[in-house]
Amino acid sequence: DRSSAASDVYKRQMLKIGDNLPDFSCQDDKGNTVTQDDFKGKNIVLFFYPRANTPGCTAQACNLSENYDRLTKAGYSIFGVSADQVKHQSSFSNKFGFPYPLLADTQKTLINSFGVWGFKKFMGKEYEGILRTTFVLNKDSIITNVIEKVKTKDHTSQILDL
């Protein structure tokens, strides 16, 4: 079966606990350049989502936004990532008032280096896209947790209950 073989390849390439944050550079929703240096010395929640302003992505991003104080009190800095253009990330962020940056990884640098691009199925059709995945990194930029089965409406609990 092609789809399971393909997803196995992607799963092997996905970064895992103990891996280091790869080098990257992309713009956030405000047009600022963000690189791996911006993550140094911080505990990071880096959540990859398929597309701005879609129902699941909105539920996930809003859950993190609604619980932003809990997450920051627990010591986390939050960053969302998709392949959307800066203007789409900006309108998504402005529409819902997200208190954290959304990275516009239009070149798929982070997406590919984290291994979150793969085959997906929706309504019986197979296509390639971003696999909704969250990575938690420590202050040394080392991955300490990977959440592959994201609960969009209760994602904060998945992060805080580690």
N, C-alpha and C. Protein backbone atom coordinates (compact mmCIF):
# COMPACT_ATOMS: atom_id res chain seq x y z
N ASP A 1 0.85 -1.20 0.00
CA ASP A 1 0.00 0.00 0.00
C ASP A 1 0.88 1.24 0.00
N ARG A 2 0.76 2.02 -1.06
CA ARG A 2 1.62 3.18 -1.27
C ARG A 2 1.52 4.21 -0.14
N SER A 3 0.32 4.48 0.33
CA SER A 3 0.16 5.54 1.31
C SER A 3 0.82 5.20 2.64
N SER A 4 0.69 3.96 3.11
CA SER A 4 1.33 3.63 4.38
C SER A 4 2.84 3.57 4.22
N ALA A 5 3.33 3.11 3.07
CA ALA A 5 4.78 3.11 2.85
C ALA A 5 5.31 4.53 2.81
N ALA A 6 4.59 5.41 2.15
CA ALA A 6 5.02 6.81 2.06
C ALA A 6 4.99 7.46 3.44
N SER A 7 3.93 7.20 4.22
CA SER A 7 3.87 7.84 5.53
C SER A 7 4.95 7.28 6.45
N ASP A 8 5.32 6.00 6.28
CA ASP A 8 6.42 5.44 7.07
C ASP A 8 7.73 6.17 6.77
N VAL A 9 7.95 6.49 5.50
CA VAL A 9 9.16 7.23 5.12
C VAL A 9 9.17 8.59 5.80
N TYR A 10 8.02 9.28 5.75
CA TYR A 10 7.94 10.60 6.39
C TYR A 10 8.12 10.50 7.90
N LYS A 11 7.52 9.47 8.51
CA LYS A 11 7.65 9.31 9.95
C LYS A 11 9.11 9.11 10.33
N ARG A 12 9.85 8.37 9.56
CA ARG A 12 11.27 8.16 9.87
C ARG A 12 12.03 9.47 9.76
N GLN A 13 11.59 10.35 8.87
CA GLN A 13 12.30 11.61 8.69
C GLN A 13 11.86 12.67 9.69
N MET A 14 10.72 12.45 10.36
CA MET A 14 10.23 13.43 11.33
C MET A 14 11.21 13.52 12.49
N LEU A 15 11.49 14.74 12.93
CA LEU A 15 12.37 14.91 14.07
C LEU A 15 11.72 14.27 15.29
N LYS A 16 12.56 13.83 16.22
CA LYS A 16 12.07 13.11 17.39
C LYS A 16 12.71 13.66 18.67
N ILE A 17 12.24 13.17 19.80
CA ILE A 17 12.78 13.58 21.09
C ILE A 17 14.29 13.37 21.08
N GLY A 18 15.03 14.40 21.53
CA GLY A 18 16.49 14.34 21.58
C GLY A 18 17.16 15.03 20.40
N ASP A 19 16.40 15.28 19.32
CA ASP A 19 16.97 15.97 18.15
C ASP A 19 17.09 17.47 18.45
N ASN A 20 18.04 18.09 17.76
CA ASN A 20 18.27 19.54 17.90
C ASN A 20 17.42 20.33 16.92
N LEU A 21 17.09 21.54 17.31
CA LEU A 21 16.41 22.48 16.41
C LEU A 21 17.30 22.75 15.21
N PRO A 22 16.80 22.55 14.00
CA PRO A 22 17.60 22.86 12.81
C PRO A 22 17.68 24.37 12.58
N ASP A 23 18.68 24.80 11.82
CA ASP A 23 18.78 26.20 11.44
C ASP A 23 17.63 26.55 10.50
N PHE A 24 17.10 27.75 10.65
CA PHE A 24 16.03 28.19 9.77
C PHE A 24 15.94 29.71 9.79
N SER A 25 15.23 30.23 8.82
CA SER A 25 14.92 31.65 8.75
C SER A 25 13.63 31.81 7.98
N CYS A 26 12.65 32.46 8.59
CA CYS A 26 11.41 32.78 7.88
C CYS A 26 10.78 34.00 8.54
N GLN A 27 9.75 34.51 7.90
CA GLN A 27 9.09 35.71 8.42
C GLN A 27 7.88 35.32 9.26
N ASP A 28 7.59 36.18 10.27
CA ASP A 28 6.39 35.95 11.05
C ASP A 28 5.24 36.78 10.48
N ASP A 29 4.10 36.73 11.15
CA ASP A 29 2.90 37.41 10.66
C ASP A 29 3.03 38.93 10.64
N LYS A 30 4.05 39.48 11.30
CA LYS A 30 4.29 40.93 11.30
C LYS A 30 5.38 41.33 10.29
N GLY A 31 5.94 40.32 9.58
CA GLY A 31 7.00 40.59 8.61
C GLY A 31 8.40 40.59 9.21
N ASN A 32 8.53 40.24 10.50
CA ASN A 32 9.85 40.15 11.14
C ASN A 32 10.52 38.83 10.77
N THR A 33 11.84 38.86 10.61
CA THR A 33 12.57 37.63 10.35
C THR A 33 12.81 36.90 11.66
N VAL A 34 12.49 35.62 11.68
CA VAL A 34 12.69 34.77 12.87
C VAL A 34 13.66 33.67 12.47
N THR A 35 14.68 33.43 13.32
CA THR A 35 15.65 32.36 13.08
C THR A 35 15.76 31.49 14.33
N GLN A 36 16.55 30.44 14.22
CA GLN A 36 16.76 29.55 15.36
C GLN A 36 17.34 30.30 16.56
N ASP A 37 18.06 31.40 16.32
CA ASP A 37 18.64 32.18 17.42
C ASP A 37 17.56 32.78 18.32
N ASP A 38 16.36 33.04 17.75
CA ASP A 38 15.26 33.60 18.55
C ASP A 38 14.70 32.59 19.55
N PHE A 39 15.05 31.31 19.40
CA PHE A 39 14.55 30.26 20.28
C PHE A 39 15.51 29.96 21.43
N LYS A 40 16.75 30.44 21.32
CA LYS A 40 17.78 30.10 22.32
C LYS A 40 17.38 30.60 23.70
N GLY A 41 17.57 29.74 24.70
CA GLY A 41 17.29 30.10 26.08
C GLY A 41 15.82 30.12 26.44
N LYS A 42 14.96 29.60 25.54
CA LYS A 42 13.51 29.58 25.79
C LYS A 42 12.98 28.17 25.65
N ASN A 43 11.97 27.85 26.44
CA ASN A 43 11.19 26.62 26.23
C ASN A 43 10.16 26.97 25.18
N ILE A 44 10.15 26.22 24.10
CA ILE A 44 9.33 26.55 22.93
C ILE A 44 8.26 25.50 22.68
N VAL A 45 7.06 25.97 22.34
CA VAL A 45 6.01 25.13 21.77
C VAL A 45 5.92 25.56 20.31
N LEU A 46 6.28 24.67 19.41
CA LEU A 46 6.28 24.95 17.97
C LEU A 46 5.22 24.07 17.33
N PHE A 47 4.09 24.70 16.97
CA PHE A 47 3.00 23.88 16.42
C PHE A 47 2.86 24.13 14.92
N PHE A 48 2.87 23.03 14.17
CA PHE A 48 2.70 23.06 12.72
C PHE A 48 1.24 22.77 12.41
N TYR A 49 0.64 23.62 11.58
CA TYR A 49 -0.76 23.44 11.22
C TYR A 49 -0.90 23.59 9.71
N PRO A 50 -1.89 22.88 9.12
CA PRO A 50 -2.01 22.86 7.66
C PRO A 50 -2.29 24.20 6.99
N ARG A 51 -3.26 24.98 7.52
CA ARG A 51 -3.63 26.18 6.79
C ARG A 51 -4.39 27.17 7.67
N ALA A 52 -4.01 28.43 7.57
CA ALA A 52 -4.66 29.50 8.33
C ALA A 52 -6.14 29.59 7.97
N ASN A 53 -6.94 29.91 8.98
CA ASN A 53 -8.38 30.16 8.81
C ASN A 53 -9.19 28.94 8.38
N THR A 54 -8.70 27.73 8.65
CA THR A 54 -9.50 26.53 8.42
C THR A 54 -10.03 26.07 9.79
N PRO A 55 -11.11 25.31 9.83
CA PRO A 55 -11.74 25.00 11.12
C PRO A 55 -10.82 24.36 12.16
N GLY A 56 -10.10 23.31 11.79
CA GLY A 56 -9.23 22.64 12.76
C GLY A 56 -8.08 23.52 13.21
N CYS A 57 -7.50 24.23 12.29
CA CYS A 57 -6.37 25.11 12.61
C CYS A 57 -6.83 26.27 13.49
N THR A 58 -8.02 26.78 13.21
CA THR A 58 -8.57 27.86 14.03
C THR A 58 -8.84 27.35 15.45
N ALA A 59 -9.43 26.16 15.58
CA ALA A 59 -9.71 25.59 16.90
C ALA A 59 -8.41 25.42 17.68
N GLN A 60 -7.39 24.90 17.03
CA GLN A 60 -6.10 24.66 17.69
C GLN A 60 -5.45 25.98 18.12
N ALA A 61 -5.35 26.92 17.19
CA ALA A 61 -4.69 28.19 17.47
C ALA A 61 -5.46 28.97 18.55
N CYS A 62 -6.79 28.91 18.52
CA CYS A 62 -7.61 29.61 19.53
C CYS A 62 -7.46 28.95 20.90
N ASN A 63 -7.37 27.61 20.94
CA ASN A 63 -7.17 26.93 22.22
C ASN A 63 -5.86 27.38 22.86
N LEU A 64 -4.80 27.49 22.07
CA LEU A 64 -3.52 27.94 22.61
C LEU A 64 -3.59 29.41 23.01
N SER A 65 -4.32 30.20 22.25
CA SER A 65 -4.47 31.62 22.55
C SER A 65 -5.26 31.82 23.85
N GLU A 66 -6.36 31.08 23.99
CA GLU A 66 -7.20 31.19 25.19
C GLU A 66 -6.45 30.77 26.45
N ASN A 67 -5.46 29.90 26.29
CA ASN A 67 -4.68 29.38 27.42
C ASN A 67 -3.26 29.94 27.44
N TYR A 68 -3.07 31.05 26.74
CA TYR A 68 -1.73 31.65 26.60
C TYR A 68 -1.10 31.94 27.96
N ASP A 69 -1.87 32.50 28.90
CA ASP A 69 -1.32 32.81 30.22
C ASP A 69 -0.85 31.54 30.94
N ARG A 70 -1.64 30.47 30.84
CA ARG A 70 -1.23 29.20 31.47
C ARG A 70 0.07 28.69 30.85
N LEU A 71 0.17 28.79 29.54
CA LEU A 71 1.37 28.29 28.85
C LEU A 71 2.59 29.14 29.19
N THR A 72 2.43 30.47 29.20
CA THR A 72 3.58 31.33 29.51
C THR A 72 3.97 31.21 30.98
N LYS A 73 2.99 31.03 31.86
CA LYS A 73 3.31 30.81 33.29
C LYS A 73 4.08 29.50 33.48
N ALA A 74 3.82 28.53 32.60
CA ALA A 74 4.55 27.26 32.65
C ALA A 74 5.92 27.40 31.98
N GLY A 75 6.23 28.61 31.46
CA GLY A 75 7.55 28.88 30.91
C GLY A 75 7.71 28.71 29.41
N TYR A 76 6.60 28.59 28.69
CA TYR A 76 6.68 28.36 27.24
C TYR A 76 6.51 29.62 26.42
N SER A 77 7.26 29.68 25.31
CA SER A 77 7.03 30.65 24.24
C SER A 77 6.38 29.86 23.11
N ILE A 78 5.33 30.42 22.50
CA ILE A 78 4.54 29.72 21.49
C ILE A 78 4.83 30.29 20.10
N PHE A 79 4.96 29.39 19.12
CA PHE A 79 5.12 29.78 17.72
C PHE A 79 4.29 28.82 16.88
N GLY A 80 3.46 29.37 15.99
CA GLY A 80 2.72 28.56 15.03
C GLY A 80 3.43 28.61 13.69
N VAL A 81 3.33 27.52 12.92
CA VAL A 81 4.00 27.47 11.61
C VAL A 81 3.08 26.83 10.58
N SER A 82 2.95 27.50 9.43
CA SER A 82 2.33 26.88 8.26
C SER A 82 3.02 27.44 7.02
N ALA A 83 2.64 26.94 5.87
CA ALA A 83 3.27 27.39 4.62
C ALA A 83 2.54 28.59 4.03
N ASP A 84 1.59 29.15 4.79
CA ASP A 84 0.84 30.31 4.31
C ASP A 84 1.74 31.53 4.13
N GLN A 85 1.33 32.43 3.25
CA GLN A 85 2.03 33.70 3.03
C GLN A 85 1.91 34.58 4.27
N VAL A 86 2.82 35.53 4.43
CA VAL A 86 2.80 36.46 5.56
C VAL A 86 1.44 37.14 5.68
N LYS A 87 0.87 37.59 4.54
CA LYS A 87 -0.42 38.31 4.62
C LYS A 87 -1.54 37.42 5.14
N HIS A 88 -1.51 36.12 4.81
CA HIS A 88 -2.54 35.20 5.32
C HIS A 88 -2.34 34.94 6.81
N GLN A 89 -1.07 34.79 7.23
CA GLN A 89 -0.79 34.60 8.65
C GLN A 89 -1.22 35.85 9.43
N SER A 90 -0.94 37.00 8.86
CA SER A 90 -1.27 38.27 9.50
C SER A 90 -2.78 38.41 9.67
N SER A 91 -3.55 38.14 8.62
CA SER A 91 -5.01 38.29 8.72
C SER A 91 -5.59 37.25 9.69
N PHE A 92 -5.03 36.04 9.72
CA PHE A 92 -5.46 34.99 10.65
C PHE A 92 -5.19 35.45 12.09
N SER A 93 -4.00 35.95 12.33
CA SER A 93 -3.62 36.42 13.67
C SER A 93 -4.47 37.61 14.10
N ASN A 94 -4.65 38.57 13.21
CA ASN A 94 -5.43 39.77 13.54
C ASN A 94 -6.90 39.43 13.79
N LYS A 95 -7.45 38.53 12.99
CA LYS A 95 -8.87 38.15 13.11
C LYS A 95 -9.17 37.58 14.50
N PHE A 96 -8.22 36.77 15.04
CA PHE A 96 -8.45 36.11 16.33
C PHE A 96 -7.63 36.69 17.47
N GLY A 97 -6.76 37.67 17.18
CA GLY A 97 -5.98 38.33 18.23
C GLY A 97 -4.97 37.41 18.91
N PHE A 98 -4.28 36.58 18.13
CA PHE A 98 -3.31 35.66 18.73
C PHE A 98 -2.16 36.43 19.38
N PRO A 99 -1.79 36.07 20.61
CA PRO A 99 -0.72 36.77 21.32
C PRO A 99 0.68 36.23 21.02
N TYR A 100 0.77 35.30 20.09
CA TYR A 100 2.06 34.68 19.73
C TYR A 100 2.25 34.78 18.22
N PRO A 101 3.51 34.70 17.77
CA PRO A 101 3.77 34.82 16.33
C PRO A 101 3.39 33.58 15.54
N LEU A 102 2.97 33.82 14.30
CA LEU A 102 2.72 32.76 13.32
C LEU A 102 3.79 32.89 12.25
N LEU A 103 4.54 31.83 12.02
CA LEU A 103 5.62 31.86 11.04
C LEU A 103 5.11 31.45 9.67
N ALA A 104 5.47 32.25 8.67
CA ALA A 104 5.09 31.99 7.28
C ALA A 104 6.25 31.25 6.61
N ASP A 105 6.20 29.93 6.69
CA ASP A 105 7.28 29.09 6.15
C ASP A 105 6.99 28.75 4.69
N THR A 106 6.94 29.80 3.86
CA THR A 106 6.54 29.65 2.47
C THR A 106 7.51 28.77 1.67
N GLN A 107 8.78 28.73 2.06
CA GLN A 107 9.77 27.89 1.38
C GLN A 107 9.79 26.47 1.95
N LYS A 108 8.98 26.24 3.01
CA LYS A 108 8.88 24.94 3.69
C LYS A 108 10.21 24.49 4.31
N THR A 109 11.04 25.44 4.72
CA THR A 109 12.32 25.12 5.34
C THR A 109 12.12 24.37 6.65
N LEU A 110 11.34 24.97 7.55
CA LEU A 110 11.06 24.32 8.84
C LEU A 110 10.20 23.08 8.65
N ILE A 111 9.20 23.19 7.81
CA ILE A 111 8.27 22.08 7.56
C ILE A 111 9.05 20.84 7.09
N ASN A 112 9.95 21.02 6.14
CA ASN A 112 10.72 19.88 5.64
C ASN A 112 11.78 19.41 6.64
N SER A 113 12.45 20.35 7.32
CA SER A 113 13.50 19.92 8.24
C SER A 113 12.92 19.21 9.47
N PHE A 114 11.68 19.54 9.86
CA PHE A 114 11.03 18.83 10.96
C PHE A 114 10.33 17.55 10.48
N GLY A 115 10.22 17.39 9.15
CA GLY A 115 9.61 16.18 8.59
C GLY A 115 8.11 16.11 8.75
N VAL A 116 7.44 17.27 8.69
CA VAL A 116 5.99 17.28 8.88
C VAL A 116 5.22 17.49 7.57
N TRP A 117 5.87 17.24 6.44
CA TRP A 117 5.18 17.26 5.16
C TRP A 117 4.98 15.82 4.76
N GLY A 118 3.74 15.44 4.45
CA GLY A 118 3.52 14.04 4.10
C GLY A 118 2.17 13.81 3.47
N PHE A 119 1.85 12.53 3.27
CA PHE A 119 0.58 12.15 2.67
C PHE A 119 -0.53 12.18 3.70
N LYS A 120 -1.67 12.73 3.28
CA LYS A 120 -2.84 12.83 4.13
C LYS A 120 -4.04 12.34 3.34
N LYS A 121 -5.09 11.98 4.06
CA LYS A 121 -6.34 11.60 3.41
C LYS A 121 -7.45 12.46 3.94
N PHE A 122 -8.31 12.91 3.05
CA PHE A 122 -9.49 13.68 3.43
C PHE A 122 -10.61 13.30 2.49
N MET A 123 -11.70 12.83 3.04
CA MET A 123 -12.87 12.42 2.25
C MET A 123 -12.49 11.46 1.12
N GLY A 124 -11.61 10.51 1.45
CA GLY A 124 -11.23 9.48 0.50
C GLY A 124 -10.16 9.87 -0.50
N LYS A 125 -9.77 11.13 -0.51
CA LYS A 125 -8.74 11.57 -1.46
C LYS A 125 -7.40 11.69 -0.72
N GLU A 126 -6.34 11.27 -1.42
CA GLU A 126 -5.00 11.36 -0.84
C GLU A 126 -4.29 12.57 -1.44
N TYR A 127 -3.59 13.30 -0.61
CA TYR A 127 -2.84 14.46 -1.08
C TYR A 127 -1.68 14.71 -0.12
N GLU A 128 -0.76 15.57 -0.52
CA GLU A 128 0.36 15.92 0.35
C GLU A 128 0.07 17.23 1.05
N GLY A 129 0.53 17.32 2.29
CA GLY A 129 0.32 18.54 3.04
C GLY A 129 1.03 18.48 4.38
N ILE A 130 0.80 19.50 5.19
CA ILE A 130 1.43 19.57 6.51
C ILE A 130 0.69 18.64 7.46
N LEU A 131 1.45 17.79 8.14
CA LEU A 131 0.91 16.89 9.15
C LEU A 131 0.84 17.68 10.46
N ARG A 132 -0.35 17.88 10.98
CA ARG A 132 -0.53 18.66 12.21
C ARG A 132 0.28 18.01 13.33
N THR A 133 1.34 18.67 13.75
CA THR A 133 2.27 18.13 14.75
C THR A 133 2.80 19.27 15.61
N THR A 134 3.00 19.00 16.89
CA THR A 134 3.57 19.99 17.80
C THR A 134 4.85 19.44 18.41
N PHE A 135 5.87 20.29 18.45
CA PHE A 135 7.16 19.95 19.05
C PHE A 135 7.38 20.86 20.24
N VAL A 136 7.85 20.28 21.34
CA VAL A 136 8.23 21.06 22.52
C VAL A 136 9.74 20.98 22.62
N LEU A 137 10.37 22.16 22.74
CA LEU A 137 11.83 22.24 22.81
C LEU A 137 12.25 22.89 24.12
N ASN A 138 13.39 22.44 24.67
CA ASN A 138 13.88 23.04 25.90
C ASN A 138 14.78 24.24 25.60
N LYS A 139 15.33 24.84 26.64
CA LYS A 139 16.14 26.05 26.49
C LYS A 139 17.42 25.83 25.70
N ASP A 140 17.82 24.56 25.54
CA ASP A 140 19.01 24.23 24.74
C ASP A 140 18.63 23.88 23.30
N SER A 141 17.38 24.16 22.91
CA SER A 141 16.87 23.90 21.56
C SER A 141 16.87 22.41 21.21
N ILE A 142 16.61 21.58 22.21
CA ILE A 142 16.50 20.13 22.00
C ILE A 142 15.04 19.74 22.17
N ILE A 143 14.55 18.90 21.26
CA ILE A 143 13.16 18.45 21.31
C ILE A 143 12.95 17.54 22.52
N THR A 144 11.96 17.91 23.36
CA THR A 144 11.66 17.11 24.55
C THR A 144 10.33 16.36 24.42
N ASN A 145 9.51 16.76 23.46
CA ASN A 145 8.26 16.04 23.23
C ASN A 145 7.76 16.30 21.81
N VAL A 146 7.08 15.31 21.26
CA VAL A 146 6.45 15.42 19.94
C VAL A 146 5.01 14.95 20.10
N ILE A 147 4.07 15.82 19.72
CA ILE A 147 2.65 15.47 19.78
C ILE A 147 2.15 15.33 18.35
N GLU A 148 1.89 14.07 17.94
CA GLU A 148 1.43 13.82 16.58
C GLU A 148 -0.08 13.73 16.48
N LYS A 149 -0.74 13.29 17.52
CA LYS A 149 -2.20 13.19 17.52
C LYS A 149 -2.76 14.39 18.28
N VAL A 150 -2.75 15.53 17.62
CA VAL A 150 -3.16 16.79 18.22
C VAL A 150 -4.67 16.83 18.40
N LYS A 151 -5.09 17.18 19.61
CA LYS A 151 -6.51 17.43 19.88
C LYS A 151 -6.70 18.94 19.74
N THR A 152 -7.28 19.35 18.61
CA THR A 152 -7.33 20.78 18.30
C THR A 152 -8.04 21.61 19.36
N LYS A 153 -9.09 21.05 19.97
CA LYS A 153 -9.87 21.82 20.94
C LYS A 153 -9.33 21.72 22.36
N ASP A 154 -8.34 20.86 22.59
CA ASP A 154 -7.79 20.67 23.93
C ASP A 154 -6.27 20.52 23.87
N HIS A 155 -5.65 21.28 22.97
CA HIS A 155 -4.22 21.12 22.74
C HIS A 155 -3.38 21.57 23.94
N THR A 156 -3.82 22.61 24.63
CA THR A 156 -3.07 23.10 25.78
C THR A 156 -2.88 21.99 26.82
N SER A 157 -3.92 21.22 27.08
CA SER A 157 -3.80 20.12 28.05
C SER A 157 -2.77 19.09 27.60
N GLN A 158 -2.71 18.83 26.30
CA GLN A 158 -1.71 17.89 25.80
C GLN A 158 -0.30 18.38 26.09
N ILE A 159 -0.09 19.68 26.00
CA ILE A 159 1.23 20.27 26.22
C ILE A 159 1.55 20.31 27.72
N LEU A 160 0.61 20.78 28.52
CA LEU A 160 0.86 20.97 29.95
C LEU A 160 0.83 19.67 30.75
N ASP A 161 0.19 18.64 30.22
CA ASP A 161 0.11 17.36 30.93
C ASP A 161 1.28 16.44 30.62
N LEU A 162 2.34 16.98 30.04
CA LEU A 162 3.49 16.14 29.67
C LEU A 162 4.15 15.54 30.89
